[in-house]
PDB file of N, CA and C in Angstrom:
ATOM      1  N   MET A   1     110.177  79.514 125.707  1.00  0.00           N
ATOM      2  CA  MET A   1     110.640  78.362 124.967  1.00  0.00           C
ATOM      3  C   MET A   1     110.952  77.192 125.903  1.00  0.00           C
ATOM      4  N   ILE A   2     111.543  77.474 127.043  1.00  0.00           N
ATOM      5  CA  ILE A   2     111.867  76.406 127.985  1.00  0.00           C
ATOM      6  C   ILE A   2     110.601  75.711 128.459  1.00  0.00           C
ATOM      7  N   SER A   3     109.534  76.460 128.701  1.00  0.00           N
ATOM      8  CA  SER A   3     108.281  75.842 129.150  1.00  0.00           C
ATOM      9  C   SER A   3     107.694  74.944 128.065  1.00  0.00           C
ATOM     10  N   ILE A   4     107.864  75.317 126.802  1.00  0.00           N
ATOM     11  CA  ILE A   4     107.386  74.471 125.695  1.00  0.00           C
ATOM     12  C   ILE A   4     108.157  73.160 125.686  1.00  0.00           C
ATOM     13  N   LEU A   5     109.476  73.226 125.811  1.00  0.00           N
ATOM     14  CA  LEU A   5     110.295  72.013 125.804  1.00  0.00           C
ATOM     15  C   LEU A   5     109.971  71.116 126.993  1.00  0.00           C
ATOM     16  N   LYS A   6     109.738  71.700 128.165  1.00  0.00           N
ATOM     17  CA  LYS A   6     109.353  70.914 129.340  1.00  0.00           C
ATOM     18  C   LYS A   6     108.022  70.212 129.100  1.00  0.00           C
ATOM     19  N   ARG A   7     107.081  70.928 128.503  1.00  0.00           N
ATOM     20  CA  ARG A   7     105.768  70.334 128.227  1.00  0.00           C
ATOM     21  C   ARG A   7     105.892  69.183 127.238  1.00  0.00           C
ATOM     22  N   LEU A   8     106.680  69.377 126.183  1.00  0.00           N
ATOM     23  CA  LEU A   8     106.868  68.315 125.197  1.00  0.00           C
ATOM     24  C   LEU A   8     107.486  67.075 125.841  1.00  0.00           C
ATOM     25  N   LYS A   9     108.498  67.264 126.669  1.00  0.00           N
ATOM     26  CA  LYS A   9     109.126  66.129 127.352  1.00  0.00           C
ATOM     27  C   LYS A   9     108.130  65.424 128.255  1.00  0.00           C
ATOM     28  N   SER A  10     107.292  66.186 128.968  1.00  0.00           N
ATOM     29  CA  SER A  10     106.309  65.573 129.865  1.00  0.00           C
ATOM     30  C   SER A  10     105.245  64.799 129.095  1.00  0.00           C
ATOM     31  N   GLU A  11     105.041  65.151 127.818  1.00  0.00           N
ATOM     32  CA  GLU A  11     104.070  64.447 126.977  1.00  0.00           C
ATOM     33  C   GLU A  11     104.711  63.304 126.189  1.00  0.00           C
ATOM     34  N   GLY A  12     106.003  63.029 126.444  1.00  0.00           N
ATOM     35  CA  GLY A  12     106.650  61.867 125.841  1.00  0.00           C
ATOM     36  C   GLY A  12     107.468  62.132 124.589  1.00  0.00           C
ATOM     37  N   TYR A  13     107.614  63.389 124.195  1.00  0.00           N
ATOM     38  CA  TYR A  13     108.439  63.703 123.024  1.00  0.00           C
ATOM     39  C   TYR A  13     109.903  63.720 123.431  1.00  0.00           C
ATOM     40  N   ARG A  14     110.764  63.292 122.490  1.00  0.00           N
ATOM     41  CA  ARG A  14     112.202  63.299 122.753  1.00  0.00           C
ATOM     42  C   ARG A  14     112.938  63.476 121.432  1.00  0.00           C
ATOM     43  N   GLY A  15     114.241  63.523 121.479  1.00  0.00           N
ATOM     44  CA  GLY A  15     115.032  63.634 120.257  1.00  0.00           C
ATOM     45  C   GLY A  15     114.717  64.878 119.451  1.00  0.00           C
ATOM     46  N   ILE A  16     114.520  65.985 120.129  1.00  0.00           N
ATOM     47  CA  ILE A  16     114.199  67.236 119.432  1.00  0.00           C
ATOM     48  C   ILE A  16     115.392  67.632 118.571  1.00  0.00           C
ATOM     49  N   SER A  17     115.146  67.752 117.255  1.00  0.00           N
ATOM     50  CA  SER A  17     116.258  67.977 116.331  1.00  0.00           C
ATOM     51  C   SER A  17     116.208  69.320 115.623  1.00  0.00           C
ATOM     52  N   LYS A  18     115.085  70.009 115.683  1.00  0.00           N
ATOM     53  CA  LYS A  18     114.972  71.277 114.962  1.00  0.00           C
ATOM     54  C   LYS A  18     113.935  72.151 115.654  1.00  0.00           C
ATOM     55  N   ILE A  19     114.265  73.428 115.812  1.00  0.00           N
ATOM     56  CA  ILE A  19     113.315  74.399 116.352  1.00  0.00           C
ATOM     57  C   ILE A  19     113.422  75.655 115.501  1.00  0.00           C
ATOM     58  N   GLU A  20     112.303  76.053 114.904  1.00  0.00           N
ATOM     59  CA  GLU A  20     112.251  77.293 114.126  1.00  0.00           C
ATOM     60  C   GLU A  20     111.037  78.088 114.565  1.00  0.00           C
ATOM     61  N   TYR A  21     111.136  79.412 114.493  1.00  0.00           N
ATOM     62  CA  TYR A  21     110.009  80.284 114.808  1.00  0.00           C
ATOM     63  C   TYR A  21     109.617  81.020 113.538  1.00  0.00           C
ATOM     64  N   ASP A  22     108.345  80.895 113.143  1.00  0.00           N
ATOM     65  CA  ASP A  22     107.878  81.522 111.910  1.00  0.00           C
ATOM     66  C   ASP A  22     106.388  81.816 112.026  1.00  0.00           C
ATOM     67  N   ASN A  23     105.985  82.988 111.612  1.00  0.00           N
ATOM     68  CA  ASN A  23     104.567  83.378 111.582  1.00  0.00           C
ATOM     69  C   ASN A  23     103.850  83.148 112.907  1.00  0.00           C
ATOM     70  N   GLY A  24     104.503  83.466 114.011  1.00  0.00           N
ATOM     71  CA  GLY A  24     103.850  83.378 115.308  1.00  0.00           C
ATOM     72  C   GLY A  24     103.773  81.998 115.916  1.00  0.00           C
ATOM     73  N   ALA A  25     104.489  81.018 115.338  1.00  0.00           N
ATOM     74  CA  ALA A  25     104.455  79.661 115.872  1.00  0.00           C
ATOM     75  C   ALA A  25     105.841  79.031 115.797  1.00  0.00           C
ATOM     76  N   TYR A  26     106.087  78.099 116.708  1.00  0.00           N
ATOM     77  CA  TYR A  26     107.317  77.319 116.660  1.00  0.00           C
ATOM     78  C   TYR A  26     107.058  76.062 115.839  1.00  0.00           C
ATOM     79  N   GLU A  27     108.019  75.685 115.014  1.00  0.00           N
ATOM     80  CA  GLU A  27     107.982  74.414 114.297  1.00  0.00           C
ATOM     81  C   GLU A  27     109.105  73.574 114.890  1.00  0.00           C
ATOM     82  N   ILE A  28     108.744  72.421 115.420  1.00  0.00           N
ATOM     83  CA  ILE A  28     109.701  71.580 116.133  1.00  0.00           C
ATOM     84  C   ILE A  28     109.642  70.171 115.567  1.00  0.00           C
ATOM     85  N   LYS A  29     110.806  69.592 115.261  1.00  0.00           N
ATOM     86  CA  LYS A  29     110.884  68.194 114.851  1.00  0.00           C
ATOM     87  C   LYS A  29     111.340  67.385 116.053  1.00  0.00           C
ATOM     88  N   ALA A  30     110.639  66.266 116.292  1.00  0.00           N
ATOM     89  CA  ALA A  30     110.934  65.437 117.454  1.00  0.00           C
ATOM     90  C   ALA A  30     110.459  64.013 117.186  1.00  0.00           C
ATOM     91  N   THR A  31     110.710  63.137 118.148  1.00  0.00           N
ATOM     92  CA  THR A  31     110.221  61.766 118.109  1.00  0.00           C
ATOM     93  C   THR A  31     109.135  61.643 119.168  1.00  0.00           C
ATOM     94  N   ASN A  32     107.986  61.057 118.783  1.00  0.00           N
ATOM     95  CA  ASN A  32     106.898  60.933 119.754  1.00  0.00           C
ATOM     96  C   ASN A  32     107.028  59.642 120.560  1.00  0.00           C
ATOM     97  N   SER A  33     106.098  59.396 121.446  1.00  0.00           N
ATOM     98  CA  SER A  33     106.159  58.230 122.330  1.00  0.00           C
ATOM     99  C   SER A  33     105.972  56.916 121.585  1.00  0.00           C
ATOM    100  N   SER A  34     105.525  56.968 120.327  1.00  0.00           N
ATOM    101  CA  SER A  34     105.383  55.770 119.486  1.00  0.00           C
ATOM    102  C   SER A  34     106.586  55.583 118.570  1.00  0.00           C
ATOM    103  N   ASP A  35     107.676  56.302 118.848  1.00  0.00           N
ATOM    104  CA  ASP A  35     108.920  56.244 118.065  1.00  0.00           C
ATOM    105  C   ASP A  35     108.757  56.695 116.622  1.00  0.00           C
ATOM    106  N   LYS A  36     107.816  57.581 116.365  1.00  0.00           N
ATOM    107  CA  LYS A  36     107.631  58.153 115.027  1.00  0.00           C
ATOM    108  C   LYS A  36     108.214  59.556 115.001  1.00  0.00           C
ATOM    109  N   GLN A  37     108.897  59.888 113.896  1.00  0.00           N
ATOM    110  CA  GLN A  37     109.419  61.241 113.692  1.00  0.00           C
ATOM    111  C   GLN A  37     108.238  62.135 113.342  1.00  0.00           C
ATOM    112  N   VAL A  38     108.073  63.243 114.046  1.00  0.00           N
ATOM    113  CA  VAL A  38     106.938  64.136 113.828  1.00  0.00           C
ATOM    114  C   VAL A  38     107.403  65.581 113.723  1.00  0.00           C
ATOM    115  N   LYS A  39     106.546  66.397 113.111  1.00  0.00           N
ATOM    116  CA  LYS A  39     106.753  67.843 113.077  1.00  0.00           C
ATOM    117  C   LYS A  39     105.634  68.452 113.905  1.00  0.00           C
ATOM    118  N   LEU A  40     105.987  69.273 114.868  1.00  0.00           N
ATOM    119  CA  LEU A  40     105.014  69.895 115.758  1.00  0.00           C
ATOM    120  C   LEU A  40     104.904  71.374 115.444  1.00  0.00           C
ATOM    121  N   ASP A  41     103.682  71.864 115.342  1.00  0.00           N
ATOM    122  CA  ASP A  41     103.422  73.289 115.200  1.00  0.00           C
ATOM    123  C   ASP A  41     102.889  73.762 116.542  1.00  0.00           C
ATOM    124  N   VAL A  42     103.634  74.617 117.209  1.00  0.00           N
ATOM    125  CA  VAL A  42     103.294  75.027 118.566  1.00  0.00           C
ATOM    126  C   VAL A  42     102.916  76.502 118.581  1.00  0.00           C
ATOM    127  N   LYS A  43     101.655  76.767 118.901  1.00  0.00           N
ATOM    128  CA  LYS A  43     101.161  78.128 119.128  1.00  0.00           C
ATOM    129  C   LYS A  43     100.693  78.131 120.571  1.00  0.00           C
ATOM    130  N   SER A  44      99.405  78.255 120.801  1.00  0.00           N
ATOM    131  CA  SER A  44      98.890  78.099 122.158  1.00  0.00           C
ATOM    132  C   SER A  44      98.542  76.637 122.422  1.00  0.00           C
ATOM    133  N   THR A  45      98.470  75.842 121.339  1.00  0.00           N
ATOM    134  CA  THR A  45      98.258  74.402 121.440  1.00  0.00           C
ATOM    135  C   THR A  45      99.319  73.715 120.584  1.00  0.00           C
ATOM    136  N   ILE A  46      99.430  72.403 120.716  1.00  0.00           N
ATOM    137  CA  ILE A  46     100.418  71.647 119.945  1.00  0.00           C
ATOM    138  C   ILE A  46      99.689  70.797 118.916  1.00  0.00           C
ATOM    139  N   SER A  47     100.080  70.933 117.649  1.00  0.00           N
ATOM    140  CA  SER A  47      99.534  70.115 116.566  1.00  0.00           C
ATOM    141  C   SER A  47     100.645  69.214 116.060  1.00  0.00           C
ATOM    142  N   GLU A  48     100.354  67.914 115.914  1.00  0.00           N
ATOM    143  CA  GLU A  48     101.364  66.952 115.492  1.00  0.00           C
ATOM    144  C   GLU A  48     101.087  66.468 114.079  1.00  0.00           C
ATOM    145  N   LYS A  49     102.151  66.395 113.265  1.00  0.00           N
ATOM    146  CA  LYS A  49     102.081  65.816 111.927  1.00  0.00           C
ATOM    147  C   LYS A  49     103.142  64.738 111.842  1.00  0.00           C
ATOM    148  N   VAL A  50     102.737  63.487 111.551  1.00  0.00           N
ATOM    149  CA  VAL A  50     103.695  62.397 111.405  1.00  0.00           C
ATOM    150  C   VAL A  50     104.380  62.545 110.065  1.00  0.00           C
ATOM    151  N   GLU A  51     105.702  62.392 110.054  1.00  0.00           N
ATOM    152  CA  GLU A  51     106.454  62.520 108.800  1.00  0.00           C
ATOM    153  C   GLU A  51     106.744  61.167 108.214  1.00  0.00           C
TER     154      GLU A  51
END
């Protein structure tokens, strides 16, 4: 989990407000580098959905 958070920070995500683990993936709410609130689905790759 720490490596995921480090990777997200290095990619410009901040303001992480929620982390849940479900069905083999982490669901994380954060703010992206464009100041948009997003939901990230993290498995072996990161998928971003703007909210």
